[in-house]
Amino acid sequence: MMGWIASVLIVGSYALNITGRLSASSVIYVSANIIGGIFFVVNTYYHKAYPSMFVNVIWVIIAIYMLSKKRVNKKTE
């Protein structure tokens, strides 16, 4: 079930982004990627799909970095 939720979060936010309904720098978009990525990490670990798990760990790290960078920029404005 976690894999399906992850798929909906990541693909759904991407679809909203490319259709112009959601900015790639929005908190909602980045949060959906973090949550979806974490769910994918858990799912792929469970299924022993370690290469996919590795990709999703990197995906989550990038999304967390972008979210923290956005917060730092907001504080300095």
PDB file of N, CA and C in Angstrom:
ATOM      1  N   MET A   1       0.823  -1.203   0.000  1.00  0.00           N
ATOM      2  CA  MET A   1       0.000   0.000   0.000  1.00  0.00           C
ATOM      3  C   MET A   1       0.864   1.263   0.000  1.00  0.00           C
ATOM      4  N   MET A   2       1.993   1.217   0.731  1.00  0.00           N
ATOM      5  CA  MET A   2       2.861   2.393   0.800  1.00  0.00           C
ATOM      6  C   MET A   2       3.401   2.758  -0.576  1.00  0.00           C
ATOM      7  N   GLY A   3       3.697   1.747  -1.370  1.00  0.00           N
ATOM      8  CA  GLY A   3       4.196   1.998  -2.722  1.00  0.00           C
ATOM      9  C   GLY A   3       3.180   2.731  -3.576  1.00  0.00           C
ATOM     10  N   TRP A   4       1.918   2.360  -3.446  1.00  0.00           N
ATOM     11  CA  TRP A   4       0.860   3.035  -4.212  1.00  0.00           C
ATOM     12  C   TRP A   4       0.674   4.471  -3.753  1.00  0.00           C
ATOM     13  N   ILE A   5       0.703   4.686  -2.458  1.00  0.00           N
ATOM     14  CA  ILE A   5       0.573   6.055  -1.931  1.00  0.00           C
ATOM     15  C   ILE A   5       1.757   6.899  -2.417  1.00  0.00           C
ATOM     16  N   ALA A   6       2.946   6.329  -2.356  1.00  0.00           N
ATOM     17  CA  ALA A   6       4.143   7.036  -2.835  1.00  0.00           C
ATOM     18  C   ALA A   6       4.000   7.404  -4.303  1.00  0.00           C
ATOM     19  N   SER A   7       3.518   6.464  -5.094  1.00  0.00           N
ATOM     20  CA  SER A   7       3.329   6.718  -6.530  1.00  0.00           C
ATOM     21  C   SER A   7       2.369   7.868  -6.775  1.00  0.00           C
ATOM     22  N   VAL A   8       1.261   7.861  -6.062  1.00  0.00           N
ATOM     23  CA  VAL A   8       0.263   8.926  -6.231  1.00  0.00           C
ATOM     24  C   VAL A   8       0.850  10.278  -5.820  1.00  0.00           C
ATOM     25  N   LEU A   9       1.561  10.314  -4.704  1.00  0.00           N
ATOM     26  CA  LEU A   9       2.142  11.577  -4.233  1.00  0.00           C
ATOM     27  C   LEU A   9       3.163  12.128  -5.231  1.00  0.00           C
ATOM     28  N   ILE A  10       4.081  11.288  -5.680  1.00  0.00           N
ATOM     29  CA  ILE A  10       5.153  11.771  -6.550  1.00  0.00           C
ATOM     30  C   ILE A  10       4.645  12.064  -7.956  1.00  0.00           C
ATOM     31  N   VAL A  11       3.911  11.131  -8.541  1.00  0.00           N
ATOM     32  CA  VAL A  11       3.410  11.355  -9.907  1.00  0.00           C
ATOM     33  C   VAL A  11       2.343  12.450  -9.913  1.00  0.00           C
ATOM     34  N   GLY A  12       1.507  12.468  -8.887  1.00  0.00           N
ATOM     35  CA  GLY A  12       0.471  13.504  -8.805  1.00  0.00           C
ATOM     36  C   GLY A  12       1.060  14.895  -8.683  1.00  0.00           C
ATOM     37  N   SER A  13       2.060  15.046  -7.809  1.00  0.00           N
ATOM     38  CA  SER A  13       2.671  16.375  -7.663  1.00  0.00           C
ATOM     39  C   SER A  13       3.425  16.770  -8.934  1.00  0.00           C
ATOM     40  N   TYR A  14       4.041  15.799  -9.584  1.00  0.00           N
ATOM     41  CA  TYR A  14       4.739  16.081 -10.846  1.00  0.00           C
ATOM     42  C   TYR A  14       3.739  16.516 -11.917  1.00  0.00           C
ATOM     43  N   ALA A  15       2.620  15.834 -12.004  1.00  0.00           N
ATOM     44  CA  ALA A  15       1.589  16.202 -12.979  1.00  0.00           C
ATOM     45  C   ALA A  15       1.071  17.612 -12.717  1.00  0.00           C
ATOM     46  N   LEU A  16       0.845  17.936 -11.456  1.00  0.00           N
ATOM     47  CA  LEU A  16       0.394  19.288 -11.112  1.00  0.00           C
ATOM     48  C   LEU A  16       1.464  20.320 -11.452  1.00  0.00           C
ATOM     49  N   ASN A  17       2.716  19.934 -11.299  1.00  0.00           N
ATOM     50  CA  ASN A  17       3.810  20.844 -11.620  1.00  0.00           C
ATOM     51  C   ASN A  17       3.901  21.119 -13.119  1.00  0.00           C
ATOM     52  N   ILE A  18       3.892  20.079 -13.934  1.00  0.00           N
ATOM     53  CA  ILE A  18       4.070  20.302 -15.377  1.00  0.00           C
ATOM     54  C   ILE A  18       2.848  20.935 -16.030  1.00  0.00           C
ATOM     55  N   THR A  19       1.698  20.876 -15.358  1.00  0.00           N
ATOM     56  CA  THR A  19       0.520  21.555 -15.890  1.00  0.00           C
ATOM     57  C   THR A  19       0.390  22.982 -15.359  1.00  0.00           C
ATOM     58  N   GLY A  20       1.376  23.400 -14.554  1.00  0.00           N
ATOM     59  CA  GLY A  20       1.387  24.773 -14.062  1.00  0.00           C
ATOM     60  C   GLY A  20       0.506  25.023 -12.848  1.00  0.00           C
ATOM     61  N   ARG A  21      -0.021  23.984 -12.244  1.00  0.00           N
ATOM     62  CA  ARG A  21      -0.905  24.157 -11.095  1.00  0.00           C
ATOM     63  C   ARG A  21      -0.169  24.165  -9.765  1.00  0.00           C
ATOM     64  N   LEU A  22       1.115  23.735  -9.792  1.00  0.00           N
ATOM     65  CA  LEU A  22       1.889  23.650  -8.563  1.00  0.00           C
ATOM     66  C   LEU A  22       3.343  23.948  -8.894  1.00  0.00           C
ATOM     67  N   SER A  23       3.914  24.897  -8.189  1.00  0.00           N
ATOM     68  CA  SER A  23       5.300  25.276  -8.413  1.00  0.00           C
ATOM     69  C   SER A  23       6.248  24.227  -7.837  1.00  0.00           C
ATOM     70  N   ALA A  24       7.341  23.982  -8.533  1.00  0.00           N
ATOM     71  CA  ALA A  24       8.338  23.021  -8.055  1.00  0.00           C
ATOM     72  C   ALA A  24       8.996  23.487  -6.765  1.00  0.00           C
ATOM     73  N   SER A  25       8.918  24.764  -6.469  1.00  0.00           N
ATOM     74  CA  SER A  25       9.514  25.268  -5.236  1.00  0.00           C
ATOM     75  C   SER A  25       8.489  25.411  -4.104  1.00  0.00           C
ATOM     76  N   SER A  26       7.249  24.988  -4.346  1.00  0.00           N
ATOM     77  CA  SER A  26       6.231  25.115  -3.296  1.00  0.00           C
ATOM     78  C   SER A  26       6.440  24.063  -2.214  1.00  0.00           C
ATOM     79  N   VAL A  27       6.035  24.403  -1.008  1.00  0.00           N
ATOM     80  CA  VAL A  27       6.165  23.499   0.129  1.00  0.00           C
ATOM     81  C   VAL A  27       5.347  22.231  -0.117  1.00  0.00           C
ATOM     82  N   ILE A  28       4.194  22.359  -0.726  1.00  0.00           N
ATOM     83  CA  ILE A  28       3.342  21.188  -0.993  1.00  0.00           C
ATOM     84  C   ILE A  28       4.050  20.217  -1.936  1.00  0.00           C
ATOM     85  N   TYR A  29       4.634  20.739  -3.004  1.00  0.00           N
ATOM     86  CA  TYR A  29       5.326  19.889  -3.973  1.00  0.00           C
ATOM     87  C   TYR A  29       6.508  19.166  -3.325  1.00  0.00           C
ATOM     88  N   VAL A  30       7.326  19.906  -2.615  1.00  0.00           N
ATOM     89  CA  VAL A  30       8.510  19.320  -1.988  1.00  0.00           C
ATOM     90  C   VAL A  30       8.093  18.331  -0.898  1.00  0.00           C
ATOM     91  N   SER A  31       7.087  18.668  -0.113  1.00  0.00           N
ATOM     92  CA  SER A  31       6.614  17.772   0.943  1.00  0.00           C
ATOM     93  C   SER A  31       6.053  16.475   0.367  1.00  0.00           C
ATOM     94  N   ALA A  32       5.310  16.577  -0.726  1.00  0.00           N
ATOM     95  CA  ALA A  32       4.788  15.374  -1.382  1.00  0.00           C
ATOM     96  C   ALA A  32       5.937  14.486  -1.846  1.00  0.00           C
ATOM     97  N   ASN A  33       7.012  15.093  -2.332  1.00  0.00           N
ATOM     98  CA  ASN A  33       8.174  14.322  -2.757  1.00  0.00           C
ATOM     99  C   ASN A  33       8.903  13.686  -1.576  1.00  0.00           C
ATOM    100  N   ILE A  34       8.977  14.388  -0.458  1.00  0.00           N
ATOM    101  CA  ILE A  34       9.619  13.827   0.730  1.00  0.00           C
ATOM    102  C   ILE A  34       8.814  12.632   1.249  1.00  0.00           C
ATOM    103  N   ILE A  35       7.529  12.831   1.433  1.00  0.00           N
ATOM    104  CA  ILE A  35       6.677  11.751   1.955  1.00  0.00           C
ATOM    105  C   ILE A  35       6.638  10.573   0.984  1.00  0.00           C
ATOM    106  N   GLY A  36       6.429  10.869  -0.299  1.00  0.00           N
ATOM    107  CA  GLY A  36       6.419   9.809  -1.304  1.00  0.00           C
ATOM    108  C   GLY A  36       7.740   9.072  -1.357  1.00  0.00           C
ATOM    109  N   GLY A  37       8.832   9.810  -1.283  1.00  0.00           N
ATOM    110  CA  GLY A  37      10.154   9.189  -1.300  1.00  0.00           C
ATOM    111  C   GLY A  37      10.389   8.290  -0.100  1.00  0.00           C
ATOM    112  N   ILE A  38       9.987   8.753   1.078  1.00  0.00           N
ATOM    113  CA  ILE A  38      10.141   7.933   2.287  1.00  0.00           C
ATOM    114  C   ILE A  38       9.308   6.657   2.168  1.00  0.00           C
ATOM    115  N   PHE A  39       8.082   6.797   1.691  1.00  0.00           N
ATOM    116  CA  PHE A  39       7.237   5.615   1.498  1.00  0.00           C
ATOM    117  C   PHE A  39       7.869   4.647   0.501  1.00  0.00           C
ATOM    118  N   PHE A  40       8.472   5.177  -0.575  1.00  0.00           N
ATOM    119  CA  PHE A  40       9.160   4.313  -1.532  1.00  0.00           C
ATOM    120  C   PHE A  40      10.372   3.625  -0.903  1.00  0.00           C
ATOM    121  N   VAL A  41      11.098   4.339  -0.051  1.00  0.00           N
ATOM    122  CA  VAL A  41      12.257   3.737   0.628  1.00  0.00           C
ATOM    123  C   VAL A  41      11.795   2.540   1.462  1.00  0.00           C
ATOM    124  N   VAL A  42      10.751   2.729   2.245  1.00  0.00           N
ATOM    125  CA  VAL A  42      10.226   1.644   3.083  1.00  0.00           C
ATOM    126  C   VAL A  42       9.759   0.482   2.202  1.00  0.00           C
ATOM    127  N   ASN A  43       9.016   0.795   1.157  1.00  0.00           N
ATOM    128  CA  ASN A  43       8.475  -0.225   0.266  1.00  0.00           C
ATOM    129  C   ASN A  43       9.582  -1.006  -0.440  1.00  0.00           C
ATOM    130  N   THR A  44      10.554  -0.302  -0.967  1.00  0.00           N
ATOM    131  CA  THR A  44      11.620  -0.990  -1.702  1.00  0.00           C
ATOM    132  C   THR A  44      12.538  -1.765  -0.757  1.00  0.00           C
ATOM    133  N   TYR A  45      12.727  -1.283   0.461  1.00  0.00           N
ATOM    134  CA  TYR A  45      13.504  -2.041   1.451  1.00  0.00           C
ATOM    135  C   TYR A  45      12.796  -3.351   1.764  1.00  0.00           C
ATOM    136  N   TYR A  46      11.501  -3.270   1.970  1.00  0.00           N
ATOM    137  CA  TYR A  46      10.701  -4.455   2.282  1.00  0.00           C
ATOM    138  C   TYR A  46      10.816  -5.498   1.166  1.00  0.00           C
ATOM    139  N   HIS A  47      10.823  -5.033  -0.070  1.00  0.00           N
ATOM    140  CA  HIS A  47      10.896  -5.941  -1.224  1.00  0.00           C
ATOM    141  C   HIS A  47      12.335  -6.232  -1.659  1.00  0.00           C
ATOM    142  N   LYS A  48      13.283  -5.741  -0.886  1.00  0.00           N
ATOM    143  CA  LYS A  48      14.712  -5.942  -1.145  1.00  0.00           C
ATOM    144  C   LYS A  48      15.134  -5.418  -2.525  1.00  0.00           C
ATOM    145  N   ALA A  49      14.520  -4.331  -2.937  1.00  0.00           N
ATOM    146  CA  ALA A  49      14.875  -3.675  -4.204  1.00  0.00           C
ATOM    147  C   ALA A  49      15.849  -2.544  -3.871  1.00  0.00           C
ATOM    148  N   TYR A  50      17.054  -2.915  -3.521  1.00  0.00           N
ATOM    149  CA  TYR A  50      18.023  -1.961  -2.980  1.00  0.00           C
ATOM    150  C   TYR A  50      18.451  -0.866  -3.960  1.00  0.00           C
ATOM    151  N   PRO A  51      18.607  -1.133  -5.251  1.00  0.00           N
ATOM    152  CA  PRO A  51      18.940  -0.022  -6.152  1.00  0.00           C
ATOM    153  C   PRO A  51      17.847   1.058  -6.165  1.00  0.00           C
ATOM    154  N   SER A  52      16.582   0.635  -6.182  1.00  0.00           N
ATOM    155  CA  SER A  52      15.483   1.603  -6.130  1.00  0.00           C
ATOM    156  C   SER A  52      15.441   2.317  -4.792  1.00  0.00           C
ATOM    157  N   MET A  53      15.755   1.589  -3.736  1.00  0.00           N
ATOM    158  CA  MET A  53      15.793   2.199  -2.413  1.00  0.00           C
ATOM    159  C   MET A  53      16.863   3.295  -2.372  1.00  0.00           C
ATOM    160  N   PHE A  54      18.028   3.003  -2.941  1.00  0.00           N
ATOM    161  CA  PHE A  54      19.108   3.983  -2.979  1.00  0.00           C
ATOM    162  C   PHE A  54      18.665   5.260  -3.702  1.00  0.00           C
ATOM    163  N   VAL A  55      18.031   5.099  -4.862  1.00  0.00           N
ATOM    164  CA  VAL A  55      17.552   6.261  -5.626  1.00  0.00           C
ATOM    165  C   VAL A  55      16.581   7.083  -4.791  1.00  0.00           C
ATOM    166  N   ASN A  56      15.701   6.420  -4.080  1.00  0.00           N
ATOM    167  CA  ASN A  56      14.707   7.142  -3.293  1.00  0.00           C
ATOM    168  C   ASN A  56      15.296   7.794  -2.051  1.00  0.00           C
ATOM    169  N   VAL A  57      16.324   7.212  -1.485  1.00  0.00           N
ATOM    170  CA  VAL A  57      17.023   7.875  -0.372  1.00  0.00           C
ATOM    171  C   VAL A  57      17.617   9.192  -0.872  1.00  0.00           C
ATOM    172  N   ILE A  58      18.261   9.153  -2.028  1.00  0.00           N
ATOM    173  CA  ILE A  58      18.830  10.374  -2.622  1.00  0.00           C
ATOM    174  C   ILE A  58      17.712  11.373  -2.933  1.00  0.00           C
ATOM    175  N   TRP A  59      16.599  10.889  -3.462  1.00  0.00           N
ATOM    176  CA  TRP A  59      15.432  11.734  -3.782  1.00  0.00           C
ATOM    177  C   TRP A  59      14.969  12.482  -2.534  1.00  0.00           C
ATOM    178  N   VAL A  60      14.860  11.774  -1.419  1.00  0.00           N
ATOM    179  CA  VAL A  60      14.409  12.376  -0.161  1.00  0.00           C
ATOM    180  C   VAL A  60      15.431  13.389   0.344  1.00  0.00           C
ATOM    181  N   ILE A  61      16.702  13.055   0.266  1.00  0.00           N
ATOM    182  CA  ILE A  61      17.749  13.989   0.720  1.00  0.00           C
ATOM    183  C   ILE A  61      17.693  15.285  -0.077  1.00  0.00           C
ATOM    184  N   ILE A  62      17.539  15.180  -1.389  1.00  0.00           N
ATOM    185  CA  ILE A  62      17.440  16.381  -2.235  1.00  0.00           C
ATOM    186  C   ILE A  62      16.216  17.198  -1.856  1.00  0.00           C
ATOM    187  N   ALA A  63      15.079  16.544  -1.665  1.00  0.00           N
ATOM    188  CA  ALA A  63      13.845  17.260  -1.323  1.00  0.00           C
ATOM    189  C   ALA A  63      13.957  17.941   0.040  1.00  0.00           C
ATOM    190  N   ILE A  64      14.551  17.261   1.016  1.00  0.00           N
ATOM    191  CA  ILE A  64      14.743  17.876   2.341  1.00  0.00           C
ATOM    192  C   ILE A  64      15.680  19.069   2.233  1.00  0.00           C
ATOM    193  N   TYR A  65      16.741  18.930   1.464  1.00  0.00           N
ATOM    194  CA  TYR A  65      17.670  20.041   1.251  1.00  0.00           C
ATOM    195  C   TYR A  65      16.944  21.241   0.649  1.00  0.00           C
ATOM    196  N   MET A  66      16.113  21.005  -0.366  1.00  0.00           N
ATOM    197  CA  MET A  66      15.391  22.103  -1.013  1.00  0.00           C
ATOM    198  C   MET A  66      14.403  22.762  -0.051  1.00  0.00           C
ATOM    199  N   LEU A  67      13.735  21.962   0.766  1.00  0.00           N
ATOM    200  CA  LEU A  67      12.799  22.516   1.733  1.00  0.00           C
ATOM    201  C   LEU A  67      13.528  23.339   2.786  1.00  0.00           C
ATOM    202  N   SER A  68      14.667  22.850   3.267  1.00  0.00           N
ATOM    203  CA  SER A  68      15.419  23.608   4.272  1.00  0.00           C
ATOM    204  C   SER A  68      16.016  24.872   3.667  1.00  0.00           C
ATOM    205  N   LYS A  69      16.444  24.803   2.412  1.00  0.00           N
ATOM    206  CA  LYS A  69      16.972  25.980   1.721  1.00  0.00           C
ATOM    207  C   LYS A  69      15.880  27.037   1.564  1.00  0.00           C
ATOM    208  N   LYS A  70      14.671  26.587   1.267  1.00  0.00           N
ATOM    209  CA  LYS A  70      13.546  27.506   1.132  1.00  0.00           C
ATOM    210  C   LYS A  70      13.251  28.202   2.460  1.00  0.00           C
ATOM    211  N   ARG A  71      13.322  27.460   3.560  1.00  0.00           N
ATOM    212  CA  ARG A  71      13.088  28.048   4.883  1.00  0.00           C
ATOM    213  C   ARG A  71      14.160  29.052   5.258  1.00  0.00           C
ATOM    214  N   VAL A  72      15.401  28.759   4.926  1.00  0.00           N
ATOM    215  CA  VAL A  72      16.499  29.682   5.221  1.00  0.00           C
ATOM    216  C   VAL A  72      16.313  30.968   4.416  1.00  0.00           C
ATOM    217  N   ASN A  73      15.968  30.837   3.143  1.00  0.00           N
ATOM    218  CA  ASN A  73      15.747  32.011   2.299  1.00  0.00           C
ATOM    219  C   ASN A  73      14.582  32.838   2.802  1.00  0.00           C
ATOM    220  N   LYS A  74      13.547  32.177   3.304  1.00  0.00           N
ATOM    221  CA  LYS A  74      12.390  32.891   3.820  1.00  0.00           C
ATOM    222  C   LYS A  74      12.746  33.689   5.073  1.00  0.00           C
ATOM    223  N   LYS A  75      13.616  33.132   5.923  1.00  0.00           N
ATOM    224  CA  LYS A  75      14.025  33.818   7.152  1.00  0.00           C
ATOM    225  C   LYS A  75      14.898  35.045   6.854  1.00  0.00           C
ATOM    226  N   THR A  76      15.679  35.000   5.778  1.00  0.00           N
ATOM    227  CA  THR A  76      16.568  36.101   5.463  1.00  0.00           C
ATOM    228  C   THR A  76      15.862  37.243   4.719  1.00  0.00           C
ATOM    229  N   GLU A  77      14.654  36.989   4.238  1.00  0.00           N
ATOM    230  CA  GLU A  77      13.922  38.038   3.497  1.00  0.00           C
ATOM    231  C   GLU A  77      13.291  39.048   4.385  1.00  0.00           C
TER     232      GLU A  77
END
